[in-house]
Amino acid sequence: MDKKQIDFIKTNKRFQKDWDYYSNYFIFIFPLGIMFIGFSMIYSVIKFGNSDLLVFGLGFVIISIVFGIFTLQRLIDVLRFECVDMGFNKMEIDKLAQKIQGRFKIKSIVIDDKSQFIRIYTKWSAFSWGEEITLIFDNNQILINSRPTSIRQPVTIYKDRQNIKIIKELIKE
């Protein structure tokens, strides 16, 4: 991670959008397809009077909306950093890295004292193909982001939120 990118993150509290980020929006083909099926069932009820399909059509539309909202929220979380105020607990980078290594199944870790950031790559788990956890030290706060290491995994069933919660607990210890 270069200085320009770190400065952008410190200023905007998010990663920059790139092609990999936008390409994850192709997953919306699935909820749109499910919604199309639901609307075609509802159309069948209106046009041909086949009332048996009404419940299924509404169910498909509702499921597609819920899945679409869930996926959109996940894609927004991929970019966003959460801020944690350190207060009086001025933690050193190496000390925090040791705590993290004891808590996560880590594939690799990059610690940069000069740029004041830690990047952790976790191993595969039941709900994830591995996570990239980024911590950036900015004055009296730490910026935390967790996202999938694979750009083609837009949904991780809240594994990223769990990672951020664990790191917040480690900082407050």
N, C-alpha and C. Protein backbone atom coordinates (compact mmCIF):
# COMPACT_ATOMS: atom_id res chain seq x y z
N MET A 1 0.86 -1.16 0.00
CA MET A 1 0.00 0.00 0.00
C MET A 1 0.91 1.24 0.00
N ASP A 2 0.67 2.14 -0.91
CA ASP A 2 1.53 3.32 -1.01
C ASP A 2 0.96 4.49 -0.19
N LYS A 3 1.78 5.51 -0.03
CA LYS A 3 1.41 6.66 0.80
C LYS A 3 0.18 7.38 0.27
N LYS A 4 0.06 7.48 -1.05
CA LYS A 4 -1.09 8.16 -1.65
C LYS A 4 -2.40 7.46 -1.28
N GLN A 5 -2.37 6.14 -1.34
CA GLN A 5 -3.56 5.36 -0.99
C GLN A 5 -3.89 5.49 0.50
N ILE A 6 -2.87 5.47 1.34
CA ILE A 6 -3.09 5.62 2.79
C ILE A 6 -3.65 6.99 3.11
N ASP A 7 -3.14 8.03 2.46
CA ASP A 7 -3.67 9.39 2.68
C ASP A 7 -5.13 9.49 2.23
N PHE A 8 -5.47 8.84 1.12
CA PHE A 8 -6.86 8.83 0.66
C PHE A 8 -7.76 8.16 1.71
N ILE A 9 -7.31 7.04 2.25
CA ILE A 9 -8.09 6.32 3.26
C ILE A 9 -8.25 7.16 4.52
N LYS A 10 -7.18 7.80 4.97
CA LYS A 10 -7.27 8.63 6.17
C LYS A 10 -8.24 9.80 5.97
N THR A 11 -8.27 10.36 4.79
CA THR A 11 -9.14 11.50 4.50
C THR A 11 -10.60 11.07 4.35
N ASN A 12 -10.84 10.00 3.59
CA ASN A 12 -12.21 9.61 3.21
C ASN A 12 -12.78 8.45 4.01
N LYS A 13 -11.95 7.79 4.80
CA LYS A 13 -12.39 6.64 5.61
C LYS A 13 -12.94 5.50 4.75
N ARG A 14 -12.39 5.34 3.54
CA ARG A 14 -12.78 4.25 2.66
C ARG A 14 -11.69 4.03 1.61
N PHE A 15 -11.72 2.82 1.01
CA PHE A 15 -10.84 2.52 -0.11
C PHE A 15 -11.32 3.26 -1.35
N GLN A 16 -10.43 3.42 -2.32
CA GLN A 16 -10.83 3.98 -3.60
C GLN A 16 -11.58 2.92 -4.40
N LYS A 17 -12.54 3.34 -5.19
CA LYS A 17 -13.28 2.41 -6.04
C LYS A 17 -12.44 2.12 -7.27
N ASP A 18 -12.41 0.84 -7.67
CA ASP A 18 -11.68 0.43 -8.85
C ASP A 18 -12.52 -0.58 -9.63
N TRP A 19 -11.96 -1.11 -10.70
CA TRP A 19 -12.70 -2.05 -11.54
C TRP A 19 -13.13 -3.28 -10.75
N ASP A 20 -12.27 -3.80 -9.89
CA ASP A 20 -12.62 -4.98 -9.11
C ASP A 20 -13.85 -4.73 -8.24
N TYR A 21 -13.94 -3.54 -7.68
CA TYR A 21 -15.10 -3.20 -6.86
C TYR A 21 -16.37 -3.17 -7.72
N TYR A 22 -16.31 -2.48 -8.84
CA TYR A 22 -17.50 -2.37 -9.70
C TYR A 22 -17.89 -3.71 -10.31
N SER A 23 -16.93 -4.57 -10.57
CA SER A 23 -17.25 -5.87 -11.17
C SER A 23 -18.07 -6.75 -10.23
N ASN A 24 -18.00 -6.50 -8.93
CA ASN A 24 -18.80 -7.27 -7.98
C ASN A 24 -20.29 -6.99 -8.13
N TYR A 25 -20.65 -5.89 -8.78
CA TYR A 25 -22.06 -5.57 -8.96
C TYR A 25 -22.76 -6.49 -9.97
N PHE A 26 -21.99 -7.31 -10.69
CA PHE A 26 -22.61 -8.27 -11.59
C PHE A 26 -23.45 -9.30 -10.84
N ILE A 27 -23.22 -9.46 -9.54
CA ILE A 27 -24.01 -10.40 -8.77
C ILE A 27 -25.48 -9.99 -8.71
N PHE A 28 -25.78 -8.74 -8.98
CA PHE A 28 -27.18 -8.29 -8.96
C PHE A 28 -28.00 -8.89 -10.10
N ILE A 29 -27.36 -9.61 -11.01
CA ILE A 29 -28.10 -10.33 -12.04
C ILE A 29 -29.02 -11.36 -11.38
N PHE A 30 -28.56 -12.00 -10.30
CA PHE A 30 -29.35 -13.04 -9.65
C PHE A 30 -30.62 -12.48 -8.98
N PRO A 31 -30.53 -11.45 -8.12
CA PRO A 31 -31.79 -10.96 -7.56
C PRO A 31 -32.72 -10.37 -8.62
N LEU A 32 -32.16 -9.77 -9.66
CA LEU A 32 -33.01 -9.24 -10.73
C LEU A 32 -33.70 -10.38 -11.48
N GLY A 33 -33.00 -11.47 -11.69
CA GLY A 33 -33.59 -12.63 -12.34
C GLY A 33 -34.70 -13.24 -11.49
N ILE A 34 -34.46 -13.35 -10.20
CA ILE A 34 -35.48 -13.88 -9.29
C ILE A 34 -36.69 -12.94 -9.26
N MET A 35 -36.43 -11.63 -9.28
CA MET A 35 -37.52 -10.66 -9.29
C MET A 35 -38.33 -10.77 -10.60
N PHE A 36 -37.65 -10.98 -11.70
CA PHE A 36 -38.33 -11.15 -12.98
C PHE A 36 -39.25 -12.37 -12.95
N ILE A 37 -38.77 -13.46 -12.37
CA ILE A 37 -39.60 -14.67 -12.25
C ILE A 37 -40.83 -14.37 -11.40
N GLY A 38 -40.64 -13.67 -10.28
CA GLY A 38 -41.76 -13.31 -9.41
C GLY A 38 -42.77 -12.44 -10.10
N PHE A 39 -42.29 -11.42 -10.83
CA PHE A 39 -43.21 -10.54 -11.54
C PHE A 39 -43.93 -11.28 -12.67
N SER A 40 -43.26 -12.23 -13.32
CA SER A 40 -43.94 -13.00 -14.36
C SER A 40 -45.04 -13.87 -13.77
N MET A 41 -44.83 -14.37 -12.56
CA MET A 41 -45.89 -15.12 -11.88
C MET A 41 -47.07 -14.21 -11.53
N ILE A 42 -46.77 -13.02 -11.03
CA ILE A 42 -47.83 -12.06 -10.70
C ILE A 42 -48.57 -11.64 -11.98
N TYR A 43 -47.84 -11.44 -13.07
CA TYR A 43 -48.46 -11.11 -14.35
C TYR A 43 -49.41 -12.22 -14.79
N SER A 44 -48.98 -13.46 -14.58
CA SER A 44 -49.81 -14.60 -14.93
C SER A 44 -51.12 -14.59 -14.14
N VAL A 45 -51.03 -14.19 -12.88
CA VAL A 45 -52.24 -14.09 -12.06
C VAL A 45 -53.18 -13.02 -12.62
N ILE A 46 -52.62 -11.87 -12.97
CA ILE A 46 -53.43 -10.75 -13.48
C ILE A 46 -54.00 -11.06 -14.86
N LYS A 47 -53.18 -11.59 -15.74
CA LYS A 47 -53.57 -11.80 -17.14
C LYS A 47 -54.47 -13.02 -17.33
N PHE A 48 -54.12 -14.14 -16.67
CA PHE A 48 -54.81 -15.39 -16.93
C PHE A 48 -55.66 -15.88 -15.75
N GLY A 49 -55.61 -15.18 -14.63
CA GLY A 49 -56.42 -15.56 -13.47
C GLY A 49 -55.93 -16.79 -12.74
N ASN A 50 -54.67 -17.12 -12.89
CA ASN A 50 -54.10 -18.29 -12.21
C ASN A 50 -53.68 -17.88 -10.80
N SER A 51 -54.61 -17.89 -9.86
CA SER A 51 -54.36 -17.33 -8.53
C SER A 51 -53.42 -18.19 -7.68
N ASP A 52 -53.13 -19.40 -8.11
CA ASP A 52 -52.21 -20.25 -7.35
C ASP A 52 -50.79 -19.67 -7.32
N LEU A 53 -50.44 -18.90 -8.29
CA LEU A 53 -49.08 -18.37 -8.41
C LEU A 53 -48.85 -17.07 -7.65
N LEU A 54 -49.90 -16.46 -7.13
CA LEU A 54 -49.77 -15.15 -6.48
C LEU A 54 -48.82 -15.21 -5.28
N VAL A 55 -49.01 -16.17 -4.41
CA VAL A 55 -48.17 -16.28 -3.21
C VAL A 55 -46.72 -16.54 -3.60
N PHE A 56 -46.51 -17.44 -4.56
CA PHE A 56 -45.15 -17.74 -5.00
C PHE A 56 -44.51 -16.52 -5.67
N GLY A 57 -45.26 -15.82 -6.48
CA GLY A 57 -44.74 -14.62 -7.14
C GLY A 57 -44.33 -13.55 -6.15
N LEU A 58 -45.20 -13.30 -5.16
CA LEU A 58 -44.85 -12.32 -4.12
C LEU A 58 -43.64 -12.78 -3.31
N GLY A 59 -43.58 -14.08 -3.04
CA GLY A 59 -42.43 -14.63 -2.30
C GLY A 59 -41.13 -14.42 -3.05
N PHE A 60 -41.15 -14.68 -4.36
CA PHE A 60 -39.94 -14.48 -5.17
C PHE A 60 -39.52 -13.02 -5.18
N VAL A 61 -40.48 -12.11 -5.30
CA VAL A 61 -40.16 -10.68 -5.32
C VAL A 61 -39.56 -10.26 -3.98
N ILE A 62 -40.15 -10.69 -2.88
CA ILE A 62 -39.65 -10.32 -1.54
C ILE A 62 -38.25 -10.89 -1.31
N ILE A 63 -38.04 -12.15 -1.67
CA ILE A 63 -36.72 -12.77 -1.50
C ILE A 63 -35.67 -12.04 -2.32
N SER A 64 -36.02 -11.65 -3.55
CA SER A 64 -35.04 -10.94 -4.38
C SER A 64 -34.70 -9.57 -3.81
N ILE A 65 -35.68 -8.88 -3.24
CA ILE A 65 -35.42 -7.57 -2.64
C ILE A 65 -34.52 -7.71 -1.41
N VAL A 66 -34.80 -8.70 -0.56
CA VAL A 66 -33.98 -8.92 0.64
C VAL A 66 -32.55 -9.29 0.23
N PHE A 67 -32.40 -10.18 -0.72
CA PHE A 67 -31.07 -10.58 -1.19
C PHE A 67 -30.33 -9.39 -1.80
N GLY A 68 -31.02 -8.56 -2.56
CA GLY A 68 -30.40 -7.38 -3.16
C GLY A 68 -29.93 -6.38 -2.12
N ILE A 69 -30.75 -6.13 -1.10
CA ILE A 69 -30.36 -5.20 -0.02
C ILE A 69 -29.16 -5.75 0.75
N PHE A 70 -29.20 -7.04 1.06
CA PHE A 70 -28.10 -7.68 1.78
C PHE A 70 -26.79 -7.56 0.99
N THR A 71 -26.86 -7.82 -0.30
CA THR A 71 -25.66 -7.76 -1.14
C THR A 71 -25.15 -6.33 -1.28
N LEU A 72 -26.05 -5.37 -1.45
CA LEU A 72 -25.64 -3.96 -1.55
C LEU A 72 -24.94 -3.50 -0.27
N GLN A 73 -25.50 -3.85 0.87
CA GLN A 73 -24.88 -3.48 2.15
C GLN A 73 -23.47 -4.08 2.25
N ARG A 74 -23.32 -5.31 1.81
CA ARG A 74 -22.03 -5.99 1.85
C ARG A 74 -21.01 -5.29 0.94
N LEU A 75 -21.44 -4.88 -0.23
CA LEU A 75 -20.53 -4.20 -1.15
C LEU A 75 -20.10 -2.84 -0.62
N ILE A 76 -20.98 -2.16 0.09
CA ILE A 76 -20.63 -0.88 0.70
C ILE A 76 -19.63 -1.10 1.83
N ASP A 77 -19.82 -2.16 2.62
CA ASP A 77 -18.92 -2.46 3.74
C ASP A 77 -17.50 -2.81 3.28
N VAL A 78 -17.36 -3.31 2.06
CA VAL A 78 -16.04 -3.67 1.54
C VAL A 78 -15.13 -2.45 1.47
N LEU A 79 -15.69 -1.29 1.17
CA LEU A 79 -14.89 -0.07 1.03
C LEU A 79 -14.68 0.67 2.34
N ARG A 80 -15.65 0.65 3.21
CA ARG A 80 -15.69 1.53 4.38
C ARG A 80 -14.75 1.07 5.50
N PHE A 81 -14.12 2.05 6.14
CA PHE A 81 -13.29 1.81 7.31
C PHE A 81 -14.05 2.25 8.56
N GLU A 82 -13.90 1.49 9.62
CA GLU A 82 -14.47 1.90 10.91
C GLU A 82 -13.37 2.54 11.74
N CYS A 83 -13.71 3.59 12.45
CA CYS A 83 -12.75 4.31 13.29
C CYS A 83 -12.91 3.87 14.73
N VAL A 84 -11.77 3.61 15.36
CA VAL A 84 -11.76 3.27 16.78
C VAL A 84 -10.83 4.26 17.47
N ASP A 85 -11.37 5.03 18.39
CA ASP A 85 -10.54 5.96 19.16
C ASP A 85 -9.74 5.18 20.17
N MET A 86 -8.44 5.43 20.21
CA MET A 86 -7.57 4.72 21.15
C MET A 86 -7.62 5.36 22.52
N GLY A 87 -8.00 6.63 22.60
CA GLY A 87 -8.04 7.30 23.90
C GLY A 87 -6.66 7.31 24.54
N PHE A 88 -6.60 6.84 25.77
CA PHE A 88 -5.33 6.82 26.49
C PHE A 88 -4.55 5.54 26.25
N ASN A 89 -5.16 4.57 25.59
CA ASN A 89 -4.50 3.30 25.31
C ASN A 89 -3.67 3.42 24.04
N LYS A 90 -2.54 4.10 24.12
CA LYS A 90 -1.68 4.30 22.96
C LYS A 90 -0.92 3.00 22.67
N MET A 91 -1.45 2.24 21.75
CA MET A 91 -0.93 0.91 21.47
C MET A 91 0.12 0.96 20.38
N GLU A 92 1.17 0.17 20.55
CA GLU A 92 2.19 0.07 19.53
C GLU A 92 1.75 -0.91 18.46
N ILE A 93 2.23 -0.70 17.25
CA ILE A 93 1.84 -1.55 16.13
C ILE A 93 2.24 -3.00 16.37
N ASP A 94 3.47 -3.23 16.82
CA ASP A 94 3.94 -4.60 17.02
C ASP A 94 3.15 -5.32 18.11
N LYS A 95 2.79 -4.60 19.16
CA LYS A 95 2.03 -5.21 20.25
C LYS A 95 0.64 -5.63 19.76
N LEU A 96 -0.01 -4.77 18.97
CA LEU A 96 -1.32 -5.11 18.43
C LEU A 96 -1.21 -6.27 17.44
N ALA A 97 -0.15 -6.29 16.64
CA ALA A 97 0.04 -7.38 15.68
C ALA A 97 0.19 -8.72 16.40
N GLN A 98 0.89 -8.74 17.53
CA GLN A 98 1.03 -9.97 18.30
C GLN A 98 -0.31 -10.44 18.86
N LYS A 99 -1.13 -9.51 19.34
CA LYS A 99 -2.46 -9.87 19.83
C LYS A 99 -3.31 -10.46 18.71
N ILE A 100 -3.23 -9.86 17.54
CA ILE A 100 -4.02 -10.32 16.40
C ILE A 100 -3.56 -11.72 15.96
N GLN A 101 -2.25 -11.94 15.94
CA GLN A 101 -1.73 -13.26 15.56
C GLN A 101 -2.20 -14.34 16.51
N GLY A 102 -2.40 -14.01 17.76
CA GLY A 102 -2.89 -14.98 18.73
C GLY A 102 -4.37 -15.27 18.59
N ARG A 103 -5.10 -14.41 17.92
CA ARG A 103 -6.58 -14.53 17.85
C ARG A 103 -7.09 -15.05 16.51
N PHE A 104 -6.36 -14.78 15.41
CA PHE A 104 -6.82 -15.17 14.08
C PHE A 104 -5.95 -16.29 13.52
N LYS A 105 -6.51 -17.03 12.55
CA LYS A 105 -5.73 -18.00 11.78
C LYS A 105 -5.14 -17.24 10.60
N ILE A 106 -3.89 -16.87 10.73
CA ILE A 106 -3.27 -15.94 9.78
C ILE A 106 -2.44 -16.70 8.74
N LYS A 107 -2.65 -16.31 7.49
CA LYS A 107 -1.84 -16.83 6.39
C LYS A 107 -0.58 -16.00 6.25
N SER A 108 -0.73 -14.67 6.30
CA SER A 108 0.42 -13.77 6.26
C SER A 108 0.04 -12.43 6.89
N ILE A 109 1.08 -11.70 7.28
CA ILE A 109 0.86 -10.39 7.90
C ILE A 109 1.96 -9.44 7.42
N VAL A 110 1.56 -8.20 7.12
CA VAL A 110 2.50 -7.16 6.69
C VAL A 110 2.39 -6.02 7.70
N ILE A 111 3.53 -5.68 8.31
CA ILE A 111 3.57 -4.59 9.28
C ILE A 111 4.50 -3.53 8.74
N ASP A 112 4.00 -2.31 8.61
CA ASP A 112 4.81 -1.20 8.10
C ASP A 112 4.83 -0.10 9.16
N ASP A 113 5.93 -0.03 9.90
CA ASP A 113 6.05 0.99 10.95
C ASP A 113 6.14 2.40 10.36
N LYS A 114 6.75 2.53 9.20
CA LYS A 114 6.91 3.85 8.59
C LYS A 114 5.56 4.44 8.17
N SER A 115 4.75 3.66 7.48
CA SER A 115 3.45 4.14 7.02
C SER A 115 2.36 3.94 8.05
N GLN A 116 2.67 3.27 9.14
CA GLN A 116 1.74 3.07 10.25
C GLN A 116 0.50 2.25 9.83
N PHE A 117 0.73 1.07 9.24
CA PHE A 117 -0.41 0.21 8.93
C PHE A 117 -0.03 -1.26 9.09
N ILE A 118 -1.07 -2.06 9.28
CA ILE A 118 -0.94 -3.51 9.36
C ILE A 118 -1.93 -4.09 8.35
N ARG A 119 -1.49 -5.05 7.58
CA ARG A 119 -2.38 -5.77 6.66
C ARG A 119 -2.25 -7.26 6.96
N ILE A 120 -3.39 -7.89 7.24
CA ILE A 120 -3.42 -9.28 7.64
C ILE A 120 -4.23 -10.06 6.62
N TYR A 121 -3.72 -11.21 6.23
CA TYR A 121 -4.46 -12.12 5.36
C TYR A 121 -4.77 -13.38 6.15
N THR A 122 -6.06 -13.69 6.29
CA THR A 122 -6.47 -14.86 7.07
C THR A 122 -6.63 -16.07 6.15
N LYS A 123 -6.68 -17.24 6.77
CA LYS A 123 -6.87 -18.48 6.03
C LYS A 123 -8.34 -18.67 5.69
N TRP A 124 -8.60 -19.66 4.86
CA TRP A 124 -9.97 -20.02 4.50
C TRP A 124 -10.73 -20.46 5.74
N SER A 125 -12.03 -20.23 5.73
CA SER A 125 -12.89 -20.74 6.79
C SER A 125 -14.17 -21.27 6.15
N ALA A 126 -15.10 -21.70 6.98
CA ALA A 126 -16.35 -22.27 6.46
C ALA A 126 -17.16 -21.25 5.67
N PHE A 127 -17.08 -19.97 6.03
CA PHE A 127 -17.89 -18.94 5.39
C PHE A 127 -17.07 -17.95 4.58
N SER A 128 -15.79 -18.20 4.36
CA SER A 128 -14.98 -17.21 3.69
C SER A 128 -13.82 -17.87 2.96
N TRP A 129 -13.40 -17.25 1.85
CA TRP A 129 -12.23 -17.71 1.12
C TRP A 129 -10.97 -17.04 1.63
N GLY A 130 -11.05 -16.43 2.78
CA GLY A 130 -9.94 -15.69 3.36
C GLY A 130 -10.28 -14.21 3.39
N GLU A 131 -9.76 -13.53 4.39
CA GLU A 131 -10.06 -12.12 4.59
C GLU A 131 -8.78 -11.29 4.54
N GLU A 132 -8.91 -10.07 4.10
CA GLU A 132 -7.83 -9.09 4.13
C GLU A 132 -8.24 -8.03 5.15
N ILE A 133 -7.55 -8.00 6.27
CA ILE A 133 -7.86 -7.05 7.33
C ILE A 133 -6.80 -5.95 7.29
N THR A 134 -7.24 -4.70 7.20
CA THR A 134 -6.33 -3.56 7.12
C THR A 134 -6.54 -2.67 8.32
N LEU A 135 -5.45 -2.34 9.01
CA LEU A 135 -5.49 -1.41 10.13
C LEU A 135 -4.54 -0.27 9.81
N ILE A 136 -5.04 0.95 9.90
CA ILE A 136 -4.21 2.14 9.64
C ILE A 136 -4.26 3.01 10.88
N PHE A 137 -3.09 3.34 11.39
CA PHE A 137 -2.99 4.19 12.58
C PHE A 137 -2.99 5.64 12.14
N ASP A 138 -3.96 6.41 12.63
CA ASP A 138 -4.11 7.80 12.25
C ASP A 138 -4.26 8.64 13.52
N ASN A 139 -3.17 9.27 13.95
CA ASN A 139 -3.14 10.08 15.18
C ASN A 139 -3.67 9.28 16.37
N ASN A 140 -4.84 9.64 16.90
CA ASN A 140 -5.34 8.96 18.10
C ASN A 140 -6.44 7.94 17.77
N GLN A 141 -6.51 7.50 16.53
CA GLN A 141 -7.51 6.51 16.17
C GLN A 141 -6.91 5.46 15.23
N ILE A 142 -7.60 4.33 15.16
CA ILE A 142 -7.22 3.26 14.25
C ILE A 142 -8.37 3.06 13.28
N LEU A 143 -8.04 3.02 11.99
CA LEU A 143 -9.03 2.76 10.95
C LEU A 143 -8.97 1.26 10.61
N ILE A 144 -10.12 0.58 10.65
CA ILE A 144 -10.17 -0.87 10.47
C ILE A 144 -11.09 -1.21 9.30
N ASN A 145 -10.61 -2.10 8.44
CA ASN A 145 -11.42 -2.62 7.35
C ASN A 145 -11.14 -4.10 7.21
N SER A 146 -12.17 -4.87 6.94
CA SER A 146 -12.04 -6.29 6.67
C SER A 146 -12.84 -6.59 5.42
N ARG A 147 -12.21 -7.26 4.47
CA ARG A 147 -12.90 -7.60 3.23
C ARG A 147 -12.33 -8.90 2.68
N PRO A 148 -13.07 -9.55 1.78
CA PRO A 148 -12.59 -10.82 1.22
C PRO A 148 -11.31 -10.62 0.41
N THR A 149 -10.43 -11.61 0.47
CA THR A 149 -9.21 -11.52 -0.34
C THR A 149 -9.53 -11.76 -1.81
N SER A 150 -10.55 -12.55 -2.08
CA SER A 150 -10.95 -12.79 -3.45
C SER A 150 -11.90 -11.68 -3.89
N ILE A 151 -11.64 -11.09 -5.04
CA ILE A 151 -12.51 -10.02 -5.52
C ILE A 151 -13.84 -10.56 -6.00
N ARG A 152 -13.96 -11.84 -6.19
CA ARG A 152 -15.21 -12.44 -6.67
C ARG A 152 -16.05 -13.03 -5.55
N GLN A 153 -15.84 -12.56 -4.34
CA GLN A 153 -16.64 -13.03 -3.21
C GLN A 153 -17.32 -11.83 -2.56
N PRO A 154 -18.43 -11.38 -3.10
CA PRO A 154 -19.06 -10.18 -2.56
C PRO A 154 -19.79 -10.41 -1.25
N VAL A 155 -20.15 -11.64 -0.94
CA VAL A 155 -20.91 -11.92 0.28
C VAL A 155 -20.12 -12.89 1.15
N THR A 156 -19.89 -12.51 2.41
CA THR A 156 -19.14 -13.37 3.32
C THR A 156 -19.93 -13.72 4.58
N ILE A 157 -21.20 -13.52 4.56
CA ILE A 157 -22.09 -13.85 5.68
C ILE A 157 -21.56 -13.22 6.97
N TYR A 158 -21.26 -11.95 6.92
CA TYR A 158 -20.86 -11.12 8.06
C TYR A 158 -19.56 -11.55 8.73
N LYS A 159 -18.71 -12.31 8.05
CA LYS A 159 -17.41 -12.66 8.59
C LYS A 159 -16.57 -11.40 8.80
N ASP A 160 -16.70 -10.43 7.89
CA ASP A 160 -15.94 -9.19 8.01
C ASP A 160 -16.33 -8.42 9.26
N ARG A 161 -17.62 -8.35 9.54
CA ARG A 161 -18.07 -7.64 10.73
C ARG A 161 -17.58 -8.32 12.00
N GLN A 162 -17.51 -9.65 11.99
CA GLN A 162 -16.96 -10.38 13.14
C GLN A 162 -15.49 -10.03 13.33
N ASN A 163 -14.73 -9.98 12.24
CA ASN A 163 -13.31 -9.63 12.33
C ASN A 163 -13.12 -8.25 12.95
N ILE A 164 -13.90 -7.27 12.50
CA ILE A 164 -13.78 -5.91 13.03
C ILE A 164 -14.15 -5.88 14.51
N LYS A 165 -15.17 -6.62 14.89
CA LYS A 165 -15.59 -6.68 16.30
C LYS A 165 -14.46 -7.27 17.16
N ILE A 166 -13.82 -8.33 16.69
CA ILE A 166 -12.72 -8.95 17.44
C ILE A 166 -11.56 -7.98 17.58
N ILE A 167 -11.22 -7.26 16.53
CA ILE A 167 -10.10 -6.32 16.60
C ILE A 167 -10.41 -5.16 17.54
N LYS A 168 -11.64 -4.69 17.53
CA LYS A 168 -12.04 -3.65 18.48
C LYS A 168 -11.86 -4.12 19.93
N GLU A 169 -12.21 -5.38 20.18
CA GLU A 169 -12.03 -5.93 21.53
C GLU A 169 -10.55 -6.00 21.89
N LEU A 170 -9.71 -6.40 20.93
CA LEU A 170 -8.26 -6.48 21.18
C LEU A 170 -7.67 -5.09 21.46
N ILE A 171 -8.16 -4.08 20.79
CA ILE A 171 -7.65 -2.72 21.01
C ILE A 171 -8.03 -2.22 22.40
N LYS A 172 -9.23 -2.54 22.84
CA LYS A 172 -9.72 -2.05 24.14
C LYS A 172 -9.14 -2.80 25.33
N GLU A 173 -8.51 -3.98 25.07
CA GLU A 173 -7.90 -4.74 26.17
C GLU A 173 -6.77 -4.00 26.81
